[in-house]
Amino acid sequence: MNHHGGNIYAVARETGRSPGHLVDFSASINPLGPSRRALRALISGLRFAAHYPDPDCTVLREALAGRHAVRPEQVLIGNGSSELIALLPRSLSISCGLVIGPTFSEYARAIDLHGATVIPLSANRNERYRPPVKEAIEVLRRPSAAIDAVFLCHPNSPTGQAVDSDDVCALVEAANRRRAWAIIDETFVEYCEERSVLSRLAAFSRMIVLRSFTKFYALPGLRIGYAAGHEDVMRRIRALLPPWSVNTPAQHAALASLEDIPYARRSRSFMERERPRLMQALAAIPGVTVYPAAANFLLVELPCGSRTGRIIHHLREKGLLVRDCSSVSGISEGTIRIAVRSAAENLRLVRALQQAIA
């Protein structure tokens, strides 16, 4: 079962609809879609289909290194950041990982599959799901704690919450002091670059920053993401990657996306306008609570006593898919996640949700 949302194919089969007739609010993808330059590069990359891909993703790594002011050897490309997450526990010899949640389930899954221990530390709903960074630092300072890695999604999914970069660095510093790894997943940080800690990579030899071309650059179908960290650490992870993990068209499209600066500006500008508009419209529905977010989605609590499954079914029958967060440990029942899409699609969702609740 897919617990992450975005499986339009299964819903299309179940409802008898074409995938193209579904509006997917369950996956938090840039509503502007891929960059046109990326799509042209994708087609151009097909010319090399008769050749193996560059196993080192050299051109893309060099471009990312230049963007983030690091050495190319400090960047590693993977078949989506999820592939890299899966390799972290083994490559880093993690025995006990502290996972700051409620969050993306793949961190705990990777630790568990490695046979290591997962220690969850969940945010408090009464504090609007603020990432419990200070609490995590206190845990790391305990001499009795056997933790050798800490995982933070920042901004967090599915809550959308973020803290200042200085707070994240304090967490990384606390992990470094006890010789623990700090894995910071910045999959959504392009929407709030000032909160990124990637520029401080040189200060922390045991910090690994994950990023993706899935969310902001709208390339989920191509499966491409990357990690940045100390070059020795990148080599350790690289040794576990399968050969030719990232295909040629994906490398071309990712490079073109990165170079399309006007596209990035338009994407941020659109989100700064449309996210508060959608938040205000949802909050106007009686009984609905909307949490502010730093990413391209909103965490929404349905009215107390609502039948969440019925509401989600009602929306699905109208071709509107939302993410049911009832399976996410640490989040209240009756909570859904809604991606920010186009203004017209957002209005359609709000009206359908009003009807479903009424």
Protein backbone atom coordinates (compact mmCIF):
# COMPACT_ATOMS: atom_id res chain seq x y z
CA MET A 1 0.00 0.00 0.00
CA ASN A 2 1.19 3.51 -0.82
CA HIS A 3 1.01 5.70 2.30
CA HIS A 4 2.57 8.76 0.64
CA GLY A 5 -0.16 9.88 -1.74
CA GLY A 6 0.34 10.51 -5.42
CA ASN A 7 -0.84 7.09 -6.64
CA ILE A 8 -3.24 8.37 -9.28
CA TYR A 9 -3.00 5.10 -11.22
CA ALA A 10 -4.55 2.99 -8.45
CA VAL A 11 -7.35 5.52 -7.93
CA ALA A 12 -7.97 5.67 -11.68
CA ARG A 13 -8.39 1.90 -11.77
CA GLU A 14 -10.68 1.90 -8.74
CA THR A 15 -12.90 4.74 -9.94
CA GLY A 16 -12.89 3.97 -13.66
CA ARG A 17 -11.48 7.40 -14.46
CA SER A 18 -8.54 8.36 -16.62
CA PRO A 19 -5.51 9.54 -14.55
CA GLY A 20 -5.72 12.77 -16.51
CA HIS A 21 -9.17 13.44 -15.10
CA LEU A 22 -7.98 13.34 -11.49
CA VAL A 23 -6.72 16.40 -9.62
CA ASP A 24 -4.05 15.22 -7.20
CA PHE A 25 -3.86 17.29 -4.02
CA SER A 26 -2.30 14.30 -2.21
CA ALA A 27 1.18 14.78 -3.71
CA SER A 28 2.92 18.08 -2.98
CA ILE A 29 4.26 18.87 -6.45
CA ASN A 30 4.90 22.36 -7.84
CA PRO A 31 1.53 23.37 -9.37
CA LEU A 32 3.31 25.14 -12.24
CA GLY A 33 4.55 21.76 -13.46
CA PRO A 34 8.07 21.12 -14.80
CA SER A 35 10.16 23.87 -16.31
CA ARG A 36 9.75 24.10 -20.10
CA ARG A 37 13.52 24.02 -20.36
CA ALA A 38 13.46 20.77 -18.39
CA LEU A 39 10.92 19.23 -20.75
CA ARG A 40 13.00 20.19 -23.79
CA ALA A 41 16.10 18.75 -22.13
CA LEU A 42 14.19 15.58 -21.30
CA ILE A 43 13.37 15.06 -24.97
CA SER A 44 16.93 15.93 -25.96
CA GLY A 45 18.25 13.36 -23.53
CA LEU A 46 16.36 10.60 -25.31
CA ARG A 47 18.94 10.82 -28.11
CA PHE A 48 21.34 9.04 -25.78
CA ALA A 49 18.97 6.17 -24.98
CA ALA A 50 21.24 3.75 -26.84
CA HIS A 51 24.07 4.53 -24.39
CA TYR A 52 24.49 3.88 -20.69
CA PRO A 53 23.93 6.94 -18.46
CA ASP A 54 26.88 8.69 -16.91
CA PRO A 55 27.19 6.66 -13.66
CA ASP A 56 28.74 9.63 -11.85
CA CYS A 57 26.22 12.25 -13.08
CA THR A 58 29.29 14.44 -13.57
CA VAL A 59 27.76 17.49 -15.26
CA LEU A 60 24.83 17.66 -12.84
CA ARG A 61 27.07 17.16 -9.79
CA GLU A 62 29.34 19.98 -10.93
CA ALA A 63 26.36 22.28 -11.46
CA LEU A 64 24.98 21.49 -8.00
CA ALA A 65 28.43 21.96 -6.45
CA GLY A 66 28.66 25.38 -8.08
CA ARG A 67 25.18 26.31 -6.90
CA HIS A 68 25.88 25.34 -3.28
CA ALA A 69 29.55 26.38 -3.13
CA VAL A 70 30.85 22.89 -2.35
CA ARG A 71 33.15 20.46 -4.18
CA PRO A 72 31.62 18.04 -6.72
CA GLU A 73 32.93 15.17 -4.57
CA GLN A 74 30.59 16.36 -1.81
CA VAL A 75 27.48 15.75 -3.95
CA LEU A 76 25.90 12.38 -4.70
CA ILE A 77 22.97 11.88 -7.11
CA GLY A 78 20.42 9.13 -6.54
CA ASN A 79 17.28 7.67 -8.06
CA GLY A 80 15.19 10.00 -5.94
CA SER A 81 16.21 11.00 -2.42
CA SER A 82 14.27 7.94 -1.22
CA GLU A 83 16.96 5.69 -2.70
CA LEU A 84 19.61 7.56 -0.71
CA ILE A 85 17.53 7.45 2.50
CA ALA A 86 17.27 3.66 2.16
CA LEU A 87 21.07 3.38 2.01
CA LEU A 88 21.92 5.68 4.93
CA PRO A 89 21.55 3.26 7.88
CA ARG A 90 23.81 0.65 6.29
CA SER A 91 26.40 3.03 4.84
CA LEU A 92 26.66 4.98 8.12
CA SER A 93 26.41 1.89 10.37
CA ILE A 94 23.48 3.39 12.26
CA SER A 95 22.38 1.38 15.29
CA CYS A 96 19.89 3.82 16.84
CA GLY A 97 18.20 6.69 15.04
CA LEU A 98 16.24 9.57 16.57
CA VAL A 99 13.45 10.55 14.16
CA ILE A 100 11.83 13.95 14.71
CA GLY A 101 8.19 13.65 13.76
CA PRO A 102 5.44 13.32 12.87
CA THR A 103 7.18 12.99 9.53
CA PHE A 104 7.98 11.12 6.32
CA SER A 105 7.82 7.40 7.11
CA GLU A 106 10.82 6.35 5.01
CA TYR A 107 13.38 7.39 7.66
CA ALA A 108 11.98 4.97 10.25
CA ARG A 109 11.43 2.33 7.58
CA ALA A 110 15.06 2.49 6.45
CA ILE A 111 16.32 2.26 10.03
CA ASP A 112 13.98 -0.62 10.78
CA LEU A 113 14.96 -2.58 7.64
CA HIS A 114 18.59 -2.21 8.70
CA GLY A 115 17.71 -3.89 12.01
CA ALA A 116 18.46 -0.75 14.00
CA THR A 117 16.39 0.96 16.70
CA VAL A 118 14.04 3.84 15.96
CA ILE A 119 13.39 6.44 18.67
CA PRO A 120 10.49 8.72 17.65
CA LEU A 121 10.20 12.24 19.03
CA SER A 122 6.91 13.81 17.99
CA ALA A 123 5.87 17.44 17.89
CA ASN A 124 2.97 18.63 20.01
CA ARG A 125 -0.34 19.50 18.36
CA ASN A 126 -0.92 22.18 21.01
CA GLU A 127 2.26 23.88 19.77
CA ARG A 128 0.99 23.70 16.18
CA TYR A 129 3.35 20.82 15.43
CA ARG A 130 6.45 22.99 15.87
CA PRO A 131 9.47 20.71 15.20
CA PRO A 132 10.75 19.73 18.68
CA VAL A 133 14.35 20.64 17.91
CA LYS A 134 15.18 21.85 21.44
CA GLU A 135 13.76 18.66 22.90
CA ALA A 136 15.85 16.61 20.46
CA ILE A 137 18.98 18.48 21.56
CA GLU A 138 18.19 17.61 25.18
CA VAL A 139 17.84 13.94 24.24
CA LEU A 140 21.18 14.01 22.42
CA ARG A 141 22.86 15.51 25.48
CA ARG A 142 21.86 12.60 27.71
CA PRO A 143 24.91 10.42 28.40
CA SER A 144 22.74 7.31 28.54
CA ALA A 145 21.30 7.80 25.05
CA ALA A 146 22.65 5.31 22.50
CA ILE A 147 21.62 7.48 19.56
CA ASP A 148 24.09 7.67 16.66
CA ALA A 149 21.88 9.47 14.11
CA VAL A 150 19.12 12.06 14.08
CA PHE A 151 16.70 12.65 11.19
CA LEU A 152 14.94 15.97 10.58
CA CYS A 153 12.71 16.81 7.61
CA HIS A 154 12.88 20.58 7.19
CA PRO A 155 10.42 22.02 6.29
CA ASN A 156 8.63 19.01 7.66
CA SER A 157 6.22 16.80 5.78
CA PRO A 158 3.33 16.44 6.37
CA THR A 159 3.00 19.31 8.89
CA GLY A 160 4.70 21.99 6.78
CA GLN A 161 6.44 23.44 9.83
CA ALA A 162 9.99 24.83 9.85
CA VAL A 163 12.36 26.52 12.28
CA ASP A 164 15.23 28.96 11.81
CA SER A 165 18.42 27.63 10.25
CA ASP A 166 20.29 28.53 13.46
CA ASP A 167 18.06 26.11 15.39
CA VAL A 168 18.78 23.37 12.86
CA CYS A 169 22.51 24.05 13.18
CA ALA A 170 22.23 23.79 16.96
CA LEU A 171 20.71 20.33 16.48
CA VAL A 172 23.49 19.34 14.08
CA GLU A 173 26.11 20.64 16.51
CA ALA A 174 24.59 18.60 19.36
CA ALA A 175 24.70 15.50 17.15
CA ASN A 176 28.30 16.20 16.10
CA ARG A 177 29.40 16.55 19.72
CA ARG A 178 28.34 13.00 20.44
CA ARG A 179 29.75 11.73 17.12
CA ALA A 180 26.26 11.12 15.76
CA TRP A 181 25.08 11.70 12.20
CA ALA A 182 22.65 14.51 11.43
CA ILE A 183 20.50 13.87 8.37
CA ILE A 184 18.60 17.00 7.30
CA ASP A 185 16.04 16.42 4.54
CA GLU A 186 15.51 19.70 2.67
CA THR A 187 13.16 18.32 0.02
CA PHE A 188 10.84 21.36 0.33
CA VAL A 189 13.40 24.02 1.28
CA GLU A 190 13.42 25.73 -2.14
CA TYR A 191 10.22 27.42 -0.96
CA CYS A 192 12.12 28.95 1.98
CA GLU A 193 15.82 28.96 1.08
CA GLU A 194 16.71 31.18 4.02
CA ARG A 195 16.06 28.18 6.30
CA SER A 196 18.53 25.91 4.51
CA VAL A 197 21.70 24.69 6.23
CA LEU A 198 23.39 23.38 3.10
CA SER A 199 25.62 26.46 2.94
CA ARG A 200 27.03 25.50 6.37
CA LEU A 201 28.17 22.06 5.26
CA ALA A 202 31.85 22.83 5.84
CA ALA A 203 31.25 23.37 9.56
CA PHE A 204 29.82 19.89 10.20
CA SER A 205 31.64 16.77 9.02
CA ARG A 206 28.79 14.49 10.14
CA MET A 207 25.90 16.37 8.54
CA ILE A 208 24.18 15.06 5.41
CA VAL A 209 21.69 17.25 3.56
CA LEU A 210 19.14 15.64 1.25
CA ARG A 211 17.36 17.40 -1.59
CA SER A 212 15.12 16.37 -4.45
CA PHE A 213 13.99 17.43 -7.90
CA THR A 214 10.56 15.94 -7.16
CA LYS A 215 8.67 18.66 -5.29
CA PHE A 216 9.88 22.14 -6.29
CA TYR A 217 11.00 21.16 -9.80
CA ALA A 218 7.96 18.90 -10.41
CA LEU A 219 9.86 15.87 -11.73
CA PRO A 220 8.53 13.00 -9.56
CA GLY A 221 8.22 10.63 -12.52
CA LEU A 222 11.94 10.92 -13.32
CA ARG A 223 13.13 9.89 -9.82
CA ILE A 224 16.14 12.09 -9.14
CA GLY A 225 17.47 13.57 -5.89
CA TYR A 226 20.80 14.21 -4.23
CA ALA A 227 22.75 14.24 -1.01
CA ALA A 228 25.50 16.64 0.07
CA GLY A 229 28.06 15.98 2.79
CA HIS A 230 31.70 15.21 3.49
CA GLU A 231 33.29 13.56 0.46
CA ASP A 232 34.33 10.48 2.45
CA VAL A 233 30.72 9.99 3.53
CA MET A 234 29.48 10.42 -0.04
CA ARG A 235 31.92 7.71 -1.15
CA ARG A 236 30.58 5.35 1.50
CA ILE A 237 27.02 5.82 0.29
CA ARG A 238 28.07 5.70 -3.37
CA ALA A 239 29.61 2.25 -2.83
CA LEU A 240 26.13 0.87 -2.11
CA LEU A 241 24.35 2.43 -5.06
CA PRO A 242 23.47 0.16 -7.98
CA PRO A 243 25.29 1.04 -11.23
CA TRP A 244 23.58 3.53 -13.58
CA SER A 245 21.01 4.39 -10.92
CA VAL A 246 19.98 7.67 -12.57
CA ASN A 247 18.91 7.61 -16.21
CA THR A 248 20.16 10.04 -18.85
CA PRO A 249 16.92 11.98 -19.52
CA ALA A 250 16.52 12.56 -15.78
CA GLN A 251 20.04 13.98 -15.54
CA HIS A 252 19.39 16.31 -18.48
CA ALA A 253 16.02 17.50 -17.12
CA ALA A 254 17.39 18.08 -13.62
CA LEU A 255 20.28 20.16 -14.97
CA ALA A 256 17.94 22.28 -17.11
CA SER A 257 15.61 22.77 -14.12
CA LEU A 258 18.47 23.97 -11.98
CA GLU A 259 19.56 26.47 -14.63
CA ASP A 260 16.06 27.89 -15.19
CA ILE A 261 16.22 30.76 -12.69
CA PRO A 262 13.08 32.57 -13.98
CA TYR A 263 11.10 29.36 -13.42
CA ALA A 264 12.30 29.20 -9.81
CA ARG A 265 11.31 32.85 -9.26
CA ARG A 266 7.84 32.27 -10.74
CA SER A 267 7.36 29.17 -8.60
CA ARG A 268 8.18 30.97 -5.35
CA SER A 269 6.14 34.02 -6.28
CA PHE A 270 3.10 31.90 -7.13
CA MET A 271 3.32 30.00 -3.84
CA GLU A 272 3.67 33.20 -1.81
CA ARG A 273 0.39 34.42 -3.35
CA GLU A 274 -1.68 31.26 -3.59
CA ARG A 275 -0.81 29.46 -0.33
CA PRO A 276 -2.25 32.15 1.99
CA ARG A 277 -5.27 32.48 -0.29
CA LEU A 278 -6.02 28.75 -0.05
CA MET A 279 -5.33 28.77 3.67
CA GLN A 280 -7.83 31.60 4.20
CA ALA A 281 -10.50 29.87 2.10
CA LEU A 282 -10.11 26.57 3.96
CA ALA A 283 -10.08 28.26 7.38
CA ALA A 284 -13.39 29.93 6.51
CA ILE A 285 -15.12 26.52 6.46
CA PRO A 286 -16.80 26.12 9.88
CA GLY A 287 -14.87 23.78 12.18
CA VAL A 288 -11.82 23.48 9.93
CA THR A 289 -8.35 24.21 11.35
CA VAL A 290 -5.48 25.03 8.99
CA TYR A 291 -1.85 25.05 10.08
CA PRO A 292 0.52 27.60 8.52
CA ALA A 293 3.23 26.07 6.36
CA ALA A 294 6.60 26.96 4.86
CA ALA A 295 6.17 24.49 1.98
CA ASN A 296 3.71 23.96 -0.89
CA PHE A 297 1.01 22.17 1.10
CA LEU A 298 -1.25 22.68 4.12
CA LEU A 299 -2.12 20.42 7.05
CA VAL A 300 -5.87 20.61 7.64
CA GLU A 301 -7.94 19.34 10.57
CA LEU A 302 -11.54 18.53 9.71
CA PRO A 303 -14.35 19.49 12.12
CA CYS A 304 -14.54 17.43 15.30
CA GLY A 305 -16.80 14.44 14.78
CA SER A 306 -16.44 14.43 11.00
CA ARG A 307 -16.27 11.08 9.26
CA THR A 308 -12.90 11.55 7.60
CA GLY A 309 -13.18 8.50 5.37
CA ARG A 310 -16.56 9.64 4.06
CA ILE A 311 -15.26 13.12 3.29
CA ILE A 312 -12.18 11.78 1.48
CA HIS A 313 -14.43 9.38 -0.47
CA HIS A 314 -16.76 12.25 -1.42
CA LEU A 315 -13.81 14.26 -2.74
CA ARG A 316 -12.45 11.25 -4.61
CA GLU A 317 -15.78 10.69 -6.31
CA LYS A 318 -15.38 14.21 -7.67
CA GLY A 319 -11.89 13.39 -8.92
CA LEU A 320 -10.10 15.25 -6.10
CA LEU A 321 -7.42 13.36 -4.16
CA VAL A 322 -6.15 14.48 -0.75
CA ARG A 323 -3.67 12.87 1.62
CA ASP A 324 -5.24 11.10 4.61
CA CYS A 325 -2.83 11.65 7.51
CA SER A 326 -4.58 9.27 9.90
CA SER A 327 -1.80 6.73 9.28
CA VAL A 328 0.92 9.19 10.32
CA SER A 329 1.98 8.54 13.90
CA GLY A 330 1.70 11.65 16.07
CA ILE A 331 -1.00 13.44 14.06
CA SER A 332 -4.58 13.81 15.28
CA GLU A 333 -7.35 11.83 13.62
CA GLY A 334 -9.42 13.69 11.10
CA THR A 335 -6.38 15.41 9.59
CA ILE A 336 -5.59 15.65 5.89
CA ARG A 337 -2.82 17.25 3.84
CA ILE A 338 -3.71 19.37 0.85
CA ALA A 339 -1.19 20.42 -1.77
CA VAL A 340 -1.42 23.96 -3.14
CA ARG A 341 -2.41 23.76 -6.80
CA SER A 342 -3.70 26.30 -9.33
CA ALA A 343 -6.17 28.94 -8.18
CA ALA A 344 -9.03 27.32 -10.13
CA GLU A 345 -8.26 23.84 -8.80
CA ASN A 346 -7.95 25.14 -5.24
CA LEU A 347 -11.35 26.84 -5.51
CA ARG A 348 -12.85 23.60 -6.81
CA LEU A 349 -11.45 21.69 -3.84
CA VAL A 350 -12.68 24.24 -1.29
CA ARG A 351 -16.22 24.11 -2.69
CA ALA A 352 -16.22 20.29 -2.76
CA LEU A 353 -14.90 20.15 0.82
CA GLN A 354 -17.61 22.56 1.96
CA GLN A 355 -20.23 20.27 0.44
CA ALA A 356 -18.67 17.14 1.93
CA ILE A 357 -18.56 18.60 5.42
CA ALA A 358 -22.08 20.02 5.16
